[in-house]
Amino acid sequence: MQIELIVVGKTDSKEVAALVEMYAKRINHYCRFAITTLPDIRNTKNLSARQQNKSEGERILALLTDSDYVVLLDERGTEFRSMEFASWIEKRLSSGLKRLVFVIGGPYGFSEEVYGRANQKISLSRMTFSHQIVRAIFTEQIYRAFTILNNEPYHHE
């Protein structure tokens, strides 16, 4: 199975980008993992939040195939403890999926069309994080899930 993380907008912080890259390399020891960064929309001052969402949504949907299992990182999604998330990943791995796609939207979330296409929503916390920081937190959690599944001494519970 391939895991893909689609993110909207580039990461401005070199430190955050370095963390994401480090965990992405580690995840690739367990499965094929790729990050696709959609460029920021230009001239957003002339666009409403809804127009921005619609434009981002069209670009997200263009990257998806019918067979993808799509999971949005969304504040209204299901919250997991790390062990539960590892079990969730394991179920997807054994289900025969070809591609598991996680999507981190822009600052205004997702369009209705993207919500309609999603198979599931996951929340990292009830707190709000910048969409850039979420990239580092979430890639670390994917890595942590694989170390849990492989009984490696990374996660302590």
Protein backbone atom coordinates (compact mmCIF):
# COMPACT_ATOMS: atom_id res chain seq x y z
CA MET A 1 0.00 0.00 0.00
CA GLN A 2 1.08 3.54 -0.69
CA ILE A 3 0.33 6.35 1.73
CA GLU A 4 0.11 9.84 0.32
CA LEU A 5 -0.20 13.09 2.20
CA ILE A 6 -1.65 15.97 0.21
CA VAL A 7 -1.08 19.41 1.71
CA VAL A 8 -2.20 22.84 0.59
CA GLY A 9 0.49 25.51 0.49
CA LYS A 10 4.20 25.35 1.09
CA THR A 11 5.81 25.28 4.51
CA ASP A 12 7.40 28.62 5.33
CA SER A 13 9.46 27.30 8.24
CA LYS A 14 12.69 25.45 7.40
CA GLU A 15 12.54 23.75 10.80
CA VAL A 16 9.03 22.40 10.24
CA ALA A 17 9.95 21.30 6.71
CA ALA A 18 13.01 19.48 8.08
CA LEU A 19 10.87 17.61 10.63
CA VAL A 20 8.37 16.58 7.97
CA GLU A 21 11.19 15.39 5.71
CA MET A 22 12.83 13.43 8.53
CA TYR A 23 9.62 11.56 9.40
CA ALA A 24 8.78 11.02 5.72
CA LYS A 25 12.12 9.25 5.25
CA ARG A 26 11.47 7.11 8.30
CA ILE A 27 7.97 6.16 7.10
CA ASN A 28 9.45 5.05 3.77
CA HIS A 29 11.20 2.22 5.62
CA TYR A 30 7.75 0.68 6.19
CA CYS A 31 5.76 1.60 3.09
CA ARG A 32 5.82 3.89 0.08
CA PHE A 33 5.08 7.36 1.39
CA ALA A 34 4.79 10.54 -0.63
CA ILE A 35 3.88 14.13 0.11
CA THR A 36 2.22 16.25 -2.56
CA THR A 37 2.20 19.98 -1.94
CA LEU A 38 -0.36 22.01 -3.82
CA PRO A 39 0.82 25.58 -4.44
CA ASP A 40 -0.85 28.41 -2.60
CA ILE A 41 -3.66 30.14 -4.45
CA ARG A 42 -2.62 33.52 -5.75
CA ASN A 43 -4.50 36.80 -5.23
CA THR A 44 -6.46 35.50 -2.25
CA LYS A 45 -7.27 39.07 -1.20
CA ASN A 46 -9.82 39.11 -4.03
CA LEU A 47 -11.34 35.76 -3.02
CA SER A 48 -13.76 34.85 -0.24
CA ALA A 49 -12.95 31.88 2.02
CA ARG A 50 -15.58 29.88 0.12
CA GLN A 51 -14.00 30.71 -3.26
CA GLN A 52 -10.59 29.77 -1.90
CA ASN A 53 -11.95 26.44 -0.61
CA LYS A 54 -13.58 25.71 -3.95
CA SER A 55 -10.36 26.37 -5.87
CA GLU A 56 -8.27 24.30 -3.45
CA GLY A 57 -10.92 21.57 -3.55
CA GLU A 58 -10.78 21.30 -7.33
CA ARG A 59 -7.03 20.84 -7.18
CA ILE A 60 -7.29 18.23 -4.41
CA LEU A 61 -9.96 16.25 -6.25
CA ALA A 62 -7.86 16.26 -9.43
CA LEU A 63 -5.18 14.26 -7.56
CA LEU A 64 -7.51 11.51 -6.38
CA THR A 65 -8.57 8.29 -8.07
CA ASP A 66 -11.82 6.42 -7.52
CA SER A 67 -10.05 3.64 -5.62
CA ASP A 68 -8.28 5.95 -3.13
CA TYR A 69 -9.31 5.82 0.51
CA VAL A 70 -9.40 9.53 1.39
CA VAL A 71 -9.02 10.81 4.94
CA LEU A 72 -9.32 14.49 5.78
CA LEU A 73 -7.56 15.96 8.77
CA ASP A 74 -10.45 17.94 10.16
CA GLU A 75 -11.34 19.34 13.56
CA ARG A 76 -14.69 17.51 13.44
CA GLY A 77 -13.11 14.13 12.76
CA THR A 78 -12.54 11.10 14.94
CA GLU A 79 -9.83 11.44 17.56
CA PHE A 80 -7.48 8.51 18.18
CA ARG A 81 -4.89 7.71 20.78
CA SER A 82 -1.62 6.66 19.13
CA MET A 83 -2.23 2.96 19.77
CA GLU A 84 -5.71 3.25 18.26
CA PHE A 85 -4.35 5.05 15.22
CA ALA A 86 -1.76 2.30 14.74
CA SER A 87 -4.55 -0.28 14.82
CA TRP A 88 -6.54 1.83 12.35
CA ILE A 89 -3.52 1.94 9.99
CA GLU A 90 -3.06 -1.82 10.34
CA LYS A 91 -6.67 -2.42 9.28
CA ARG A 92 -6.15 -0.29 6.18
CA LEU A 93 -2.90 -2.14 5.39
CA SER A 94 -4.63 -5.52 5.54
CA SER A 95 -7.71 -4.38 3.62
CA GLY A 96 -6.01 -4.49 0.22
CA LEU A 97 -6.09 -0.75 -0.39
CA LYS A 98 -3.69 0.44 -3.05
CA ARG A 99 -3.52 4.04 -1.84
CA LEU A 100 -4.42 5.67 1.43
CA VAL A 101 -4.57 9.45 1.01
CA PHE A 102 -4.54 11.92 3.89
CA VAL A 103 -5.34 15.55 3.13
CA ILE A 104 -4.39 18.63 5.14
CA GLY A 105 -6.34 21.58 3.81
CA GLY A 106 -5.59 25.26 3.79
CA PRO A 107 -6.49 27.76 6.49
CA TYR A 108 -10.24 27.62 5.72
CA GLY A 109 -10.63 23.85 5.62
CA PHE A 110 -12.22 21.98 2.73
CA SER A 111 -14.87 22.54 0.09
CA GLU A 112 -18.15 20.64 0.25
CA GLU A 113 -17.00 18.61 -2.77
CA VAL A 114 -13.90 17.41 -0.92
CA TYR A 115 -15.98 16.57 2.16
CA GLY A 116 -18.30 14.63 -0.14
CA ARG A 117 -15.42 12.60 -1.59
CA ALA A 118 -13.80 11.79 1.75
CA ASN A 119 -14.15 8.34 3.26
CA GLN A 120 -13.32 9.53 6.74
CA LYS A 121 -12.22 12.51 8.85
CA ILE A 122 -9.57 12.40 11.57
CA SER A 123 -8.87 15.06 14.17
CA LEU A 124 -5.50 15.34 15.87
CA SER A 125 -6.89 17.34 18.77
CA ARG A 126 -9.72 19.59 19.84
CA MET A 127 -7.13 22.36 19.78
CA THR A 128 -6.43 24.30 16.61
CA PHE A 129 -2.96 24.03 15.06
CA SER A 130 -1.57 25.85 12.06
CA HIS A 131 -1.94 23.74 8.95
CA GLN A 132 1.87 23.82 8.62
CA ILE A 133 2.54 22.46 12.13
CA VAL A 134 -0.05 19.74 11.56
CA ARG A 135 2.20 18.35 8.82
CA ALA A 136 5.01 17.68 11.28
CA ILE A 137 2.69 16.35 13.99
CA PHE A 138 0.85 14.06 11.61
CA THR A 139 3.89 12.63 9.82
CA GLU A 140 5.33 11.86 13.27
CA GLN A 141 2.09 10.05 14.18
CA ILE A 142 2.22 7.95 11.01
CA TYR A 143 5.82 7.02 11.84
CA ARG A 144 4.82 6.27 15.45
CA ALA A 145 2.01 4.01 14.20
CA PHE A 146 4.45 1.94 12.17
CA THR A 147 6.88 1.61 15.09
CA ILE A 148 3.97 0.43 17.27
CA LEU A 149 2.92 -2.12 14.64
CA ASN A 150 6.49 -3.38 14.42
CA ASN A 151 7.02 -3.52 18.19
CA GLU A 152 9.89 -1.08 18.00
CA PRO A 153 11.02 0.90 21.07
CA TYR A 154 9.77 4.34 20.05
CA HIS A 155 6.32 4.61 21.62
CA HIS A 156 5.99 4.30 25.39
CA GLU A 157 2.65 3.62 26.97
